[in-house]
Amino acid sequence: MAEEKPSFEITRRTVIASATLVPVTALTASAQSPPAALTAAQRQILEAFVDRLCPKDDLGAGAVECGAANYIDQQLAGYLSSEKEAMVAGLAAVDAYARNSQGGPFAGLSAEKRDAILTAVENGSAAGVPNGRAFFTRLRRLTLEGMFGDPYYGGNTNFAGWDLIQYPGPRLAVGPEEQKMSKPATPYHRSAWGTEHSGH
């Protein structure tokens, strides 16, 4: 009997394709960039997690390069502060599961081993990670927001996320040549909040 493949496979294409569900101006959070919420160790686990959700490859920048972890960290210190306790507990549980099942801290594991951990968390089979599926889904959603939202909120570093999906940026008017759509639109590379919030 052929070996059954896992029901979940993390692929860059599926992560990017689902970005259409995230408004490009994502969130109307706080007016100022809030301070970071996570410790250095917690941030390291978070970065290792989002890195495997959408790794850098020949198509372009990954979640880390797009500033997804930075976005999540900042929002947990501000607009999403009510989620900080659950997020920190979830990251700690993932790290503990990695140590128990793979013999090392999550951030120190190979890409293949981290993928195995994420697969178990996503399908709810990771022992010691309560509500694994919900935790995975929430962190995946926040990763997409951090990659493709307006840079004003702490992610989409240097517009890497917008460049990845060929979103030119918010603009009030488009010229006749660009309306023909015979070639990609020229990147605008400006935050909807103004040039002082464009890139990091």
N, C-alpha and C. Protein backbone atom coordinates (compact mmCIF):
# COMPACT_ATOMS: atom_id res chain seq x y z
N MET A 1 0.84 -1.20 0.00
CA MET A 1 0.00 0.00 0.00
C MET A 1 0.88 1.25 0.00
N ALA A 2 0.58 2.17 -0.88
CA ALA A 2 1.38 3.40 -0.98
C ALA A 2 1.29 4.21 0.29
N GLU A 3 2.42 4.80 0.66
CA GLU A 3 2.44 5.62 1.87
C GLU A 3 1.61 6.88 1.65
N GLU A 4 0.76 7.18 2.63
CA GLU A 4 -0.10 8.36 2.52
C GLU A 4 0.71 9.61 2.75
N LYS A 5 0.53 10.58 1.88
CA LYS A 5 1.23 11.86 2.04
C LYS A 5 0.50 12.70 3.08
N PRO A 6 1.22 13.57 3.82
CA PRO A 6 0.55 14.43 4.79
C PRO A 6 -0.50 15.29 4.09
N SER A 7 -1.56 15.59 4.83
CA SER A 7 -2.66 16.37 4.25
C SER A 7 -2.27 17.82 4.05
N PHE A 8 -1.20 18.26 4.66
CA PHE A 8 -0.80 19.66 4.58
C PHE A 8 0.61 19.77 4.03
N GLU A 9 0.81 20.61 3.07
CA GLU A 9 2.14 20.87 2.54
C GLU A 9 2.32 22.37 2.43
N ILE A 10 3.36 22.87 3.05
CA ILE A 10 3.63 24.30 3.01
C ILE A 10 4.33 24.61 1.70
N THR A 11 3.73 25.46 0.91
CA THR A 11 4.38 25.88 -0.32
C THR A 11 4.28 27.39 -0.44
N ARG A 12 5.30 27.96 -1.01
CA ARG A 12 5.35 29.41 -1.19
C ARG A 12 4.17 29.86 -2.06
N ARG A 13 3.87 29.09 -3.11
CA ARG A 13 2.81 29.49 -4.02
C ARG A 13 1.45 29.58 -3.32
N THR A 14 1.15 28.61 -2.43
CA THR A 14 -0.16 28.65 -1.77
C THR A 14 -0.24 29.83 -0.81
N VAL A 15 0.87 30.17 -0.18
CA VAL A 15 0.87 31.33 0.73
C VAL A 15 0.64 32.61 -0.06
N ILE A 16 1.37 32.78 -1.16
CA ILE A 16 1.24 34.00 -1.95
C ILE A 16 -0.12 34.08 -2.61
N ALA A 17 -0.62 32.95 -3.10
CA ALA A 17 -1.94 32.95 -3.76
C ALA A 17 -3.03 33.39 -2.80
N SER A 18 -2.90 33.01 -1.53
CA SER A 18 -3.94 33.37 -0.57
C SER A 18 -3.84 34.82 -0.13
N ALA A 19 -2.81 35.53 -0.58
CA ALA A 19 -2.65 36.93 -0.22
C ALA A 19 -3.78 37.79 -0.78
N THR A 20 -4.49 37.28 -1.78
CA THR A 20 -5.60 38.04 -2.34
C THR A 20 -6.70 38.25 -1.32
N LEU A 21 -6.67 37.46 -0.24
CA LEU A 21 -7.68 37.60 0.81
C LEU A 21 -7.34 38.71 1.79
N VAL A 22 -6.14 39.29 1.67
CA VAL A 22 -5.69 40.32 2.59
C VAL A 22 -5.75 41.67 1.90
N PRO A 23 -6.50 42.64 2.45
CA PRO A 23 -6.53 43.97 1.84
C PRO A 23 -5.12 44.55 1.82
N VAL A 24 -4.70 45.15 0.71
CA VAL A 24 -3.34 45.66 0.63
C VAL A 24 -3.09 46.81 1.58
N THR A 25 -4.12 47.48 2.01
CA THR A 25 -3.92 48.55 2.98
C THR A 25 -4.09 48.01 4.40
N ALA A 26 -4.06 46.72 4.55
CA ALA A 26 -4.31 45.96 5.77
C ALA A 26 -4.30 46.75 7.07
N LEU A 27 -5.36 46.65 7.77
CA LEU A 27 -5.54 47.18 9.11
C LEU A 27 -5.51 48.70 9.21
N THR A 28 -6.27 49.20 10.12
CA THR A 28 -6.19 50.61 10.47
C THR A 28 -5.82 50.67 11.93
N ALA A 29 -4.62 50.24 12.22
CA ALA A 29 -4.18 50.09 13.60
C ALA A 29 -3.84 51.43 14.22
N SER A 30 -2.78 51.49 14.97
CA SER A 30 -2.43 52.72 15.67
C SER A 30 -1.72 53.69 14.75
N ALA A 31 -1.70 54.97 15.13
CA ALA A 31 -1.12 56.01 14.30
C ALA A 31 0.41 55.99 14.34
N GLN A 32 1.00 55.49 15.40
CA GLN A 32 2.45 55.43 15.53
C GLN A 32 2.90 53.98 15.55
N SER A 33 4.12 53.72 15.07
CA SER A 33 4.67 52.38 15.16
C SER A 33 4.93 52.06 16.63
N PRO A 34 4.24 51.06 17.17
CA PRO A 34 4.40 50.73 18.59
C PRO A 34 5.73 50.04 18.85
N PRO A 35 6.18 50.01 20.10
CA PRO A 35 7.43 49.31 20.41
C PRO A 35 7.25 47.80 20.24
N ALA A 36 8.36 47.09 20.18
CA ALA A 36 8.32 45.64 20.04
C ALA A 36 7.75 45.00 21.30
N ALA A 37 7.06 43.86 21.13
CA ALA A 37 6.42 43.18 22.25
C ALA A 37 7.18 41.93 22.70
N LEU A 38 7.95 41.34 21.80
CA LEU A 38 8.58 40.05 22.06
C LEU A 38 10.02 40.18 22.53
N THR A 39 10.46 39.21 23.31
CA THR A 39 11.87 39.15 23.69
C THR A 39 12.67 38.67 22.48
N ALA A 40 13.99 38.77 22.57
CA ALA A 40 14.84 38.33 21.46
C ALA A 40 14.62 36.84 21.16
N ALA A 41 14.48 36.02 22.21
CA ALA A 41 14.28 34.58 22.03
C ALA A 41 12.93 34.29 21.38
N GLN A 42 11.90 35.00 21.82
CA GLN A 42 10.57 34.82 21.23
C GLN A 42 10.55 35.26 19.77
N ARG A 43 11.22 36.36 19.49
CA ARG A 43 11.30 36.88 18.12
C ARG A 43 12.02 35.88 17.21
N GLN A 44 13.03 35.21 17.74
CA GLN A 44 13.77 34.23 16.96
C GLN A 44 12.87 33.06 16.55
N ILE A 45 12.03 32.60 17.47
CA ILE A 45 11.09 31.52 17.17
C ILE A 45 10.08 31.99 16.12
N LEU A 46 9.57 33.20 16.31
CA LEU A 46 8.60 33.77 15.36
C LEU A 46 9.20 33.85 13.96
N GLU A 47 10.42 34.36 13.85
CA GLU A 47 11.06 34.48 12.54
C GLU A 47 11.27 33.12 11.89
N ALA A 48 11.66 32.12 12.69
CA ALA A 48 11.86 30.77 12.15
C ALA A 48 10.54 30.19 11.66
N PHE A 49 9.44 30.55 12.32
CA PHE A 49 8.10 30.08 11.95
C PHE A 49 7.67 30.71 10.63
N VAL A 50 7.69 32.04 10.55
CA VAL A 50 7.21 32.71 9.34
C VAL A 50 8.13 32.45 8.15
N ASP A 51 9.42 32.20 8.43
CA ASP A 51 10.36 31.89 7.36
C ASP A 51 9.93 30.62 6.61
N ARG A 52 9.38 29.64 7.33
CA ARG A 52 8.97 28.40 6.67
C ARG A 52 7.57 28.52 6.06
N LEU A 53 6.78 29.48 6.49
CA LEU A 53 5.48 29.70 5.85
C LEU A 53 5.69 30.21 4.42
N CYS A 54 6.66 31.10 4.27
CA CYS A 54 6.96 31.64 2.94
C CYS A 54 8.44 31.96 2.87
N PRO A 55 9.26 30.96 2.53
CA PRO A 55 10.71 31.17 2.49
C PRO A 55 11.16 31.96 1.27
N LYS A 56 12.29 32.59 1.40
CA LYS A 56 12.90 33.28 0.26
C LYS A 56 13.32 32.23 -0.77
N ASP A 57 13.10 32.53 -2.04
CA ASP A 57 13.53 31.62 -3.09
C ASP A 57 13.79 32.39 -4.38
N ASP A 58 13.88 31.68 -5.50
CA ASP A 58 14.20 32.36 -6.75
C ASP A 58 13.09 33.27 -7.24
N LEU A 59 11.90 33.18 -6.64
CA LEU A 59 10.81 34.08 -7.01
C LEU A 59 10.92 35.43 -6.32
N GLY A 60 11.70 35.48 -5.25
CA GLY A 60 11.85 36.75 -4.56
C GLY A 60 11.94 36.60 -3.05
N ALA A 61 11.69 37.70 -2.36
CA ALA A 61 11.80 37.76 -0.90
C ALA A 61 10.79 36.86 -0.22
N GLY A 62 11.16 36.37 0.95
CA GLY A 62 10.27 35.57 1.77
C GLY A 62 9.64 36.41 2.87
N ALA A 63 8.94 35.75 3.77
CA ALA A 63 8.23 36.45 4.84
C ALA A 63 9.16 37.26 5.74
N VAL A 64 10.33 36.71 6.05
CA VAL A 64 11.27 37.43 6.93
C VAL A 64 11.78 38.69 6.24
N GLU A 65 12.18 38.55 4.97
CA GLU A 65 12.70 39.70 4.22
C GLU A 65 11.61 40.76 4.00
N CYS A 66 10.37 40.32 3.94
CA CYS A 66 9.25 41.27 3.75
C CYS A 66 8.84 41.93 5.07
N GLY A 67 9.47 41.55 6.17
CA GLY A 67 9.18 42.20 7.45
C GLY A 67 7.97 41.67 8.19
N ALA A 68 7.53 40.45 7.88
CA ALA A 68 6.34 39.90 8.53
C ALA A 68 6.51 39.78 10.05
N ALA A 69 7.68 39.31 10.49
CA ALA A 69 7.91 39.17 11.92
C ALA A 69 7.92 40.52 12.61
N ASN A 70 8.50 41.52 11.96
CA ASN A 70 8.52 42.87 12.51
C ASN A 70 7.10 43.41 12.69
N TYR A 71 6.28 43.21 11.66
CA TYR A 71 4.88 43.63 11.71
C TYR A 71 4.15 42.97 12.88
N ILE A 72 4.29 41.66 13.01
CA ILE A 72 3.59 40.93 14.07
C ILE A 72 4.06 41.41 15.44
N ASP A 73 5.36 41.55 15.61
CA ASP A 73 5.94 42.01 16.87
C ASP A 73 5.40 43.39 17.25
N GLN A 74 5.39 44.31 16.31
CA GLN A 74 4.90 45.66 16.59
C GLN A 74 3.40 45.66 16.91
N GLN A 75 2.63 44.90 16.17
CA GLN A 75 1.19 44.90 16.41
C GLN A 75 0.84 44.25 17.75
N LEU A 76 1.63 43.27 18.18
CA LEU A 76 1.40 42.65 19.49
C LEU A 76 1.69 43.63 20.63
N ALA A 77 2.48 44.64 20.34
CA ALA A 77 2.78 45.68 21.34
C ALA A 77 1.74 46.78 21.33
N GLY A 78 0.87 46.77 20.33
CA GLY A 78 -0.12 47.84 20.20
C GLY A 78 -1.51 47.32 19.96
N TYR A 79 -1.95 47.43 18.73
CA TYR A 79 -3.33 47.10 18.35
C TYR A 79 -3.74 45.68 18.73
N LEU A 80 -2.82 44.73 18.64
CA LEU A 80 -3.13 43.32 18.95
C LEU A 80 -2.57 42.90 20.31
N SER A 81 -2.42 43.83 21.22
CA SER A 81 -1.84 43.51 22.53
C SER A 81 -2.65 42.47 23.30
N SER A 82 -3.94 42.40 23.02
CA SER A 82 -4.78 41.39 23.69
C SER A 82 -4.43 39.97 23.26
N GLU A 83 -3.72 39.84 22.15
CA GLU A 83 -3.32 38.52 21.65
C GLU A 83 -1.90 38.13 22.07
N LYS A 84 -1.19 39.04 22.71
CA LYS A 84 0.22 38.80 23.02
C LYS A 84 0.41 37.55 23.88
N GLU A 85 -0.37 37.41 24.94
CA GLU A 85 -0.20 36.28 25.85
C GLU A 85 -0.38 34.95 25.12
N ALA A 86 -1.42 34.86 24.30
CA ALA A 86 -1.68 33.62 23.55
C ALA A 86 -0.58 33.36 22.53
N MET A 87 -0.08 34.42 21.89
CA MET A 87 0.97 34.25 20.90
C MET A 87 2.26 33.77 21.54
N VAL A 88 2.63 34.39 22.66
CA VAL A 88 3.85 33.99 23.37
C VAL A 88 3.74 32.54 23.84
N ALA A 89 2.57 32.18 24.37
CA ALA A 89 2.36 30.79 24.83
C ALA A 89 2.45 29.82 23.66
N GLY A 90 1.87 30.20 22.52
CA GLY A 90 1.92 29.34 21.34
C GLY A 90 3.33 29.15 20.84
N LEU A 91 4.11 30.22 20.78
CA LEU A 91 5.50 30.12 20.33
C LEU A 91 6.32 29.24 21.28
N ALA A 92 6.08 29.39 22.59
CA ALA A 92 6.79 28.56 23.57
C ALA A 92 6.42 27.09 23.42
N ALA A 93 5.14 26.82 23.15
CA ALA A 93 4.68 25.44 22.98
C ALA A 93 5.29 24.81 21.73
N VAL A 94 5.38 25.59 20.66
CA VAL A 94 5.99 25.09 19.42
C VAL A 94 7.47 24.77 19.67
N ASP A 95 8.16 25.64 20.39
CA ASP A 95 9.57 25.41 20.69
C ASP A 95 9.74 24.17 21.56
N ALA A 96 8.88 24.01 22.56
CA ALA A 96 8.96 22.83 23.43
C ALA A 96 8.69 21.55 22.65
N TYR A 97 7.72 21.61 21.74
CA TYR A 97 7.42 20.44 20.91
C TYR A 97 8.60 20.10 20.01
N ALA A 98 9.27 21.12 19.49
CA ALA A 98 10.45 20.90 18.64
C ALA A 98 11.56 20.21 19.44
N ARG A 99 11.78 20.67 20.66
CA ARG A 99 12.82 20.08 21.50
C ARG A 99 12.50 18.62 21.82
N ASN A 100 11.22 18.34 22.09
CA ASN A 100 10.81 16.97 22.43
C ASN A 100 10.80 16.03 21.23
N SER A 101 10.37 16.52 20.10
CA SER A 101 10.19 15.64 18.94
C SER A 101 11.38 15.62 17.99
N GLN A 102 12.15 16.72 17.95
CA GLN A 102 13.26 16.81 17.01
C GLN A 102 14.62 17.00 17.67
N GLY A 103 14.62 17.12 18.98
CA GLY A 103 15.88 17.17 19.71
C GLY A 103 16.60 18.49 19.72
N GLY A 104 15.89 19.58 19.44
CA GLY A 104 16.55 20.89 19.46
C GLY A 104 15.55 22.01 19.40
N PRO A 105 15.98 23.24 19.67
CA PRO A 105 15.08 24.39 19.62
C PRO A 105 14.57 24.60 18.19
N PHE A 106 13.36 25.06 18.08
CA PHE A 106 12.72 25.23 16.78
C PHE A 106 13.56 26.06 15.82
N ALA A 107 14.06 27.19 16.29
CA ALA A 107 14.83 28.09 15.42
C ALA A 107 16.14 27.48 14.95
N GLY A 108 16.64 26.47 15.65
CA GLY A 108 17.92 25.86 15.29
C GLY A 108 17.79 24.64 14.39
N LEU A 109 16.57 24.24 14.08
CA LEU A 109 16.36 23.05 13.26
C LEU A 109 16.52 23.34 11.77
N SER A 110 16.73 22.29 11.01
CA SER A 110 16.80 22.42 9.55
C SER A 110 15.42 22.80 9.02
N ALA A 111 15.39 23.29 7.78
CA ALA A 111 14.13 23.67 7.15
C ALA A 111 13.16 22.48 7.12
N GLU A 112 13.67 21.29 6.82
CA GLU A 112 12.82 20.10 6.73
C GLU A 112 12.19 19.76 8.07
N LYS A 113 12.97 19.87 9.13
CA LYS A 113 12.44 19.56 10.47
C LYS A 113 11.44 20.63 10.92
N ARG A 114 11.71 21.88 10.60
CA ARG A 114 10.75 22.93 10.95
C ARG A 114 9.44 22.73 10.18
N ASP A 115 9.54 22.30 8.92
CA ASP A 115 8.33 22.01 8.15
C ASP A 115 7.52 20.88 8.80
N ALA A 116 8.21 19.87 9.31
CA ALA A 116 7.53 18.76 9.98
C ALA A 116 6.80 19.25 11.22
N ILE A 117 7.44 20.15 11.95
CA ILE A 117 6.82 20.74 13.14
C ILE A 117 5.56 21.52 12.74
N LEU A 118 5.68 22.37 11.73
CA LEU A 118 4.54 23.19 11.30
C LEU A 118 3.40 22.32 10.79
N THR A 119 3.74 21.24 10.10
CA THR A 119 2.71 20.32 9.62
C THR A 119 1.93 19.73 10.79
N ALA A 120 2.65 19.32 11.83
CA ALA A 120 2.00 18.76 13.01
C ALA A 120 1.16 19.80 13.74
N VAL A 121 1.66 21.03 13.83
CA VAL A 121 0.90 22.10 14.49
C VAL A 121 -0.37 22.39 13.69
N GLU A 122 -0.24 22.48 12.38
CA GLU A 122 -1.39 22.80 11.54
C GLU A 122 -2.47 21.73 11.58
N ASN A 123 -2.07 20.46 11.61
CA ASN A 123 -3.09 19.40 11.62
C ASN A 123 -3.51 18.96 13.02
N GLY A 124 -2.99 19.65 14.04
CA GLY A 124 -3.44 19.40 15.40
C GLY A 124 -2.81 18.20 16.09
N SER A 125 -1.72 17.65 15.50
CA SER A 125 -1.11 16.46 16.09
C SER A 125 0.14 16.76 16.91
N ALA A 126 0.47 18.04 17.09
CA ALA A 126 1.66 18.42 17.85
C ALA A 126 1.34 18.37 19.35
N ALA A 127 1.84 17.36 20.03
CA ALA A 127 1.57 17.20 21.47
C ALA A 127 2.10 18.40 22.24
N GLY A 128 1.24 18.93 23.11
CA GLY A 128 1.65 20.06 23.93
C GLY A 128 1.42 21.42 23.31
N VAL A 129 0.88 21.43 22.09
CA VAL A 129 0.55 22.70 21.44
C VAL A 129 -0.97 22.79 21.38
N PRO A 130 -1.58 23.41 22.41
CA PRO A 130 -3.04 23.48 22.44
C PRO A 130 -3.59 24.36 21.31
N ASN A 131 -4.70 23.93 20.75
CA ASN A 131 -5.32 24.68 19.65
C ASN A 131 -4.33 24.98 18.53
N GLY A 132 -3.54 23.96 18.19
CA GLY A 132 -2.49 24.13 17.19
C GLY A 132 -2.98 24.66 15.87
N ARG A 133 -4.10 24.12 15.40
CA ARG A 133 -4.62 24.54 14.09
C ARG A 133 -5.00 26.02 14.11
N ALA A 134 -5.67 26.46 15.19
CA ALA A 134 -6.08 27.86 15.30
C ALA A 134 -4.85 28.77 15.41
N PHE A 135 -3.85 28.32 16.17
CA PHE A 135 -2.62 29.10 16.31
C PHE A 135 -1.92 29.25 14.98
N PHE A 136 -1.80 28.15 14.25
CA PHE A 136 -1.16 28.16 12.94
C PHE A 136 -1.90 29.10 11.99
N THR A 137 -3.22 28.98 11.95
CA THR A 137 -4.03 29.79 11.04
C THR A 137 -3.89 31.27 11.35
N ARG A 138 -3.90 31.61 12.64
CA ARG A 138 -3.77 33.02 13.02
C ARG A 138 -2.41 33.57 12.65
N LEU A 139 -1.36 32.80 12.90
CA LEU A 139 -0.02 33.27 12.59
C LEU A 139 0.19 33.36 11.08
N ARG A 140 -0.42 32.47 10.35
CA ARG A 140 -0.33 32.53 8.89
C ARG A 140 -1.02 33.80 8.37
N ARG A 141 -2.17 34.11 8.93
CA ARG A 141 -2.90 35.32 8.53
C ARG A 141 -2.08 36.58 8.82
N LEU A 142 -1.50 36.63 10.01
CA LEU A 142 -0.69 37.79 10.37
C LEU A 142 0.56 37.90 9.50
N THR A 143 1.10 36.76 9.10
CA THR A 143 2.25 36.76 8.20
C THR A 143 1.89 37.39 6.86
N LEU A 144 0.73 37.03 6.33
CA LEU A 144 0.27 37.62 5.07
C LEU A 144 0.07 39.12 5.20
N GLU A 145 -0.52 39.55 6.32
CA GLU A 145 -0.71 40.98 6.56
C GLU A 145 0.65 41.69 6.60
N GLY A 146 1.62 41.08 7.28
CA GLY A 146 2.94 41.67 7.40
C GLY A 146 3.69 41.73 6.09
N MET A 147 3.44 40.77 5.22
CA MET A 147 4.12 40.75 3.92
C MET A 147 3.51 41.75 2.94
N PHE A 148 2.18 41.86 2.95
CA PHE A 148 1.52 42.57 1.86
C PHE A 148 0.74 43.81 2.28
N GLY A 149 0.71 44.12 3.57
CA GLY A 149 0.02 45.33 4.02
C GLY A 149 0.84 46.58 3.74
N ASP A 150 0.26 47.72 4.04
CA ASP A 150 0.96 48.99 3.86
C ASP A 150 2.17 49.03 4.81
N PRO A 151 3.34 49.48 4.34
CA PRO A 151 4.53 49.53 5.19
C PRO A 151 4.35 50.36 6.46
N TYR A 152 3.38 51.22 6.46
CA TYR A 152 3.09 52.07 7.63
C TYR A 152 2.96 51.24 8.91
N TYR A 153 2.47 50.00 8.77
CA TYR A 153 2.17 49.19 9.95
C TYR A 153 3.33 48.31 10.41
N GLY A 154 4.49 48.44 9.77
CA GLY A 154 5.67 47.73 10.28
C GLY A 154 6.17 46.59 9.42
N GLY A 155 5.42 46.18 8.42
CA GLY A 155 5.85 45.10 7.53
C GLY A 155 6.12 45.61 6.13
N ASN A 156 6.11 44.67 5.17
CA ASN A 156 6.32 45.01 3.76
C ASN A 156 7.56 45.90 3.60
N THR A 157 8.66 45.45 4.18
CA THR A 157 9.91 46.21 4.19
C THR A 157 10.37 46.56 2.78
N ASN A 158 10.62 47.84 2.57
CA ASN A 158 11.08 48.34 1.26
C ASN A 158 10.18 47.88 0.12
N PHE A 159 8.90 47.66 0.44
CA PHE A 159 7.88 47.28 -0.55
C PHE A 159 8.16 45.92 -1.19
N ALA A 160 8.92 45.08 -0.49
CA ALA A 160 9.28 43.76 -1.05
C ALA A 160 8.04 42.91 -1.31
N GLY A 161 7.04 43.00 -0.43
CA GLY A 161 5.81 42.22 -0.61
C GLY A 161 5.02 42.69 -1.81
N TRP A 162 4.89 43.99 -1.96
CA TRP A 162 4.16 44.53 -3.11
C TRP A 162 4.87 44.19 -4.41
N ASP A 163 6.20 44.26 -4.40
CA ASP A 163 6.96 43.91 -5.61
C ASP A 163 6.76 42.43 -5.95
N LEU A 164 6.67 41.60 -4.93
CA LEU A 164 6.51 40.17 -5.12
C LEU A 164 5.22 39.83 -5.86
N ILE A 165 4.15 40.55 -5.53
CA ILE A 165 2.85 40.28 -6.18
C ILE A 165 2.55 41.30 -7.27
N GLN A 166 3.56 42.13 -7.58
CA GLN A 166 3.45 43.15 -8.64
C GLN A 166 2.30 44.12 -8.40
N TYR A 167 2.12 44.48 -7.12
CA TYR A 167 1.16 45.53 -6.79
C TYR A 167 1.89 46.85 -6.83
N PRO A 168 1.49 47.78 -7.69
CA PRO A 168 2.27 49.01 -7.86
C PRO A 168 2.16 49.99 -6.70
N GLY A 169 1.16 49.86 -5.84
CA GLY A 169 0.98 50.79 -4.74
C GLY A 169 -0.25 51.64 -4.94
N PRO A 170 -0.72 52.28 -3.86
CA PRO A 170 -1.93 53.10 -3.95
C PRO A 170 -1.67 54.38 -4.73
N ARG A 171 -2.54 54.71 -5.63
CA ARG A 171 -2.39 55.96 -6.39
C ARG A 171 -3.78 56.49 -6.73
N LEU A 172 -3.87 57.79 -6.86
CA LEU A 172 -5.16 58.42 -7.14
C LEU A 172 -5.52 58.37 -8.61
N ALA A 173 -4.52 58.32 -9.48
CA ALA A 173 -4.81 58.33 -10.91
C ALA A 173 -3.81 57.46 -11.65
N VAL A 174 -4.24 56.88 -12.76
CA VAL A 174 -3.38 56.06 -13.61
C VAL A 174 -3.46 56.61 -15.02
N GLY A 175 -2.31 56.81 -15.66
CA GLY A 175 -2.26 57.39 -17.00
C GLY A 175 -2.81 56.46 -18.07
N PRO A 176 -3.08 57.00 -19.26
CA PRO A 176 -3.66 56.24 -20.36
C PRO A 176 -2.86 55.00 -20.75
N GLU A 177 -1.51 55.12 -20.76
CA GLU A 177 -0.68 53.98 -21.16
C GLU A 177 -0.81 52.82 -20.18
N GLU A 178 -0.84 53.14 -18.88
CA GLU A 178 -0.97 52.09 -17.87
C GLU A 178 -2.37 51.49 -17.87
N GLN A 179 -3.36 52.26 -18.28
CA GLN A 179 -4.72 51.74 -18.35
C GLN A 179 -4.86 50.67 -19.43
N LYS A 180 -3.99 50.69 -20.42
CA LYS A 180 -4.03 49.66 -21.47
C LYS A 180 -3.62 48.29 -20.93
N MET A 181 -2.88 48.29 -19.84
CA MET A 181 -2.43 47.06 -19.18
C MET A 181 -1.61 46.17 -20.10
N SER A 182 -0.88 46.76 -21.03
CA SER A 182 -0.04 45.99 -21.94
C SER A 182 1.32 45.68 -21.32
N LYS A 183 1.63 46.34 -20.22
CA LYS A 183 2.87 46.09 -19.49
C LYS A 183 2.61 46.33 -18.01
N PRO A 184 3.46 45.76 -17.14
CA PRO A 184 3.25 45.94 -15.70
C PRO A 184 3.29 47.42 -15.32
N ALA A 185 2.46 47.80 -14.35
CA ALA A 185 2.44 49.18 -13.87
C ALA A 185 3.76 49.52 -13.20
N THR A 186 4.18 50.76 -13.34
CA THR A 186 5.40 51.23 -12.69
C THR A 186 5.17 51.28 -11.18
N PRO A 187 6.07 50.65 -10.37
CA PRO A 187 5.87 50.69 -8.92
C PRO A 187 5.83 52.12 -8.39
N TYR A 188 4.92 52.38 -7.50
CA TYR A 188 4.73 53.70 -6.90
C TYR A 188 5.59 53.85 -5.64
N HIS A 189 5.74 52.75 -4.91
CA HIS A 189 6.58 52.69 -3.71
C HIS A 189 6.35 53.83 -2.74
N ARG A 190 5.08 54.04 -2.40
CA ARG A 190 4.73 55.00 -1.37
C ARG A 190 3.65 54.42 -0.49
N SER A 191 3.75 54.68 0.80
CA SER A 191 2.70 54.29 1.73
C SER A 191 1.48 55.16 1.50
N ALA A 192 0.31 54.62 1.77
CA ALA A 192 -0.91 55.43 1.70
C ALA A 192 -0.87 56.55 2.74
N TRP A 193 0.02 56.44 3.71
CA TRP A 193 0.14 57.43 4.78
C TRP A 193 1.17 58.50 4.47
N GLY A 194 1.84 58.42 3.32
CA GLY A 194 2.81 59.45 2.96
C GLY A 194 4.21 58.90 2.82
N THR A 195 5.08 59.70 2.21
CA THR A 195 6.43 59.24 1.91
C THR A 195 7.27 58.97 3.16
N GLU A 196 6.97 59.61 4.28
CA GLU A 196 7.77 59.36 5.48
C GLU A 196 7.55 57.97 6.05
N HIS A 197 6.51 57.27 5.59
CA HIS A 197 6.24 55.91 6.06
C HIS A 197 6.57 54.87 4.99
N SER A 198 7.27 55.27 3.95
CA SER A 198 7.55 54.38 2.84
C SER A 198 8.84 53.61 3.05
N GLY A 199 8.72 52.34 3.34
CA GLY A 199 9.88 51.47 3.53
C GLY A 199 10.46 51.62 4.92
N HIS A 200 11.40 50.71 5.25
CA HIS A 200 12.01 50.70 6.59
C HIS A 200 13.51 50.63 6.45
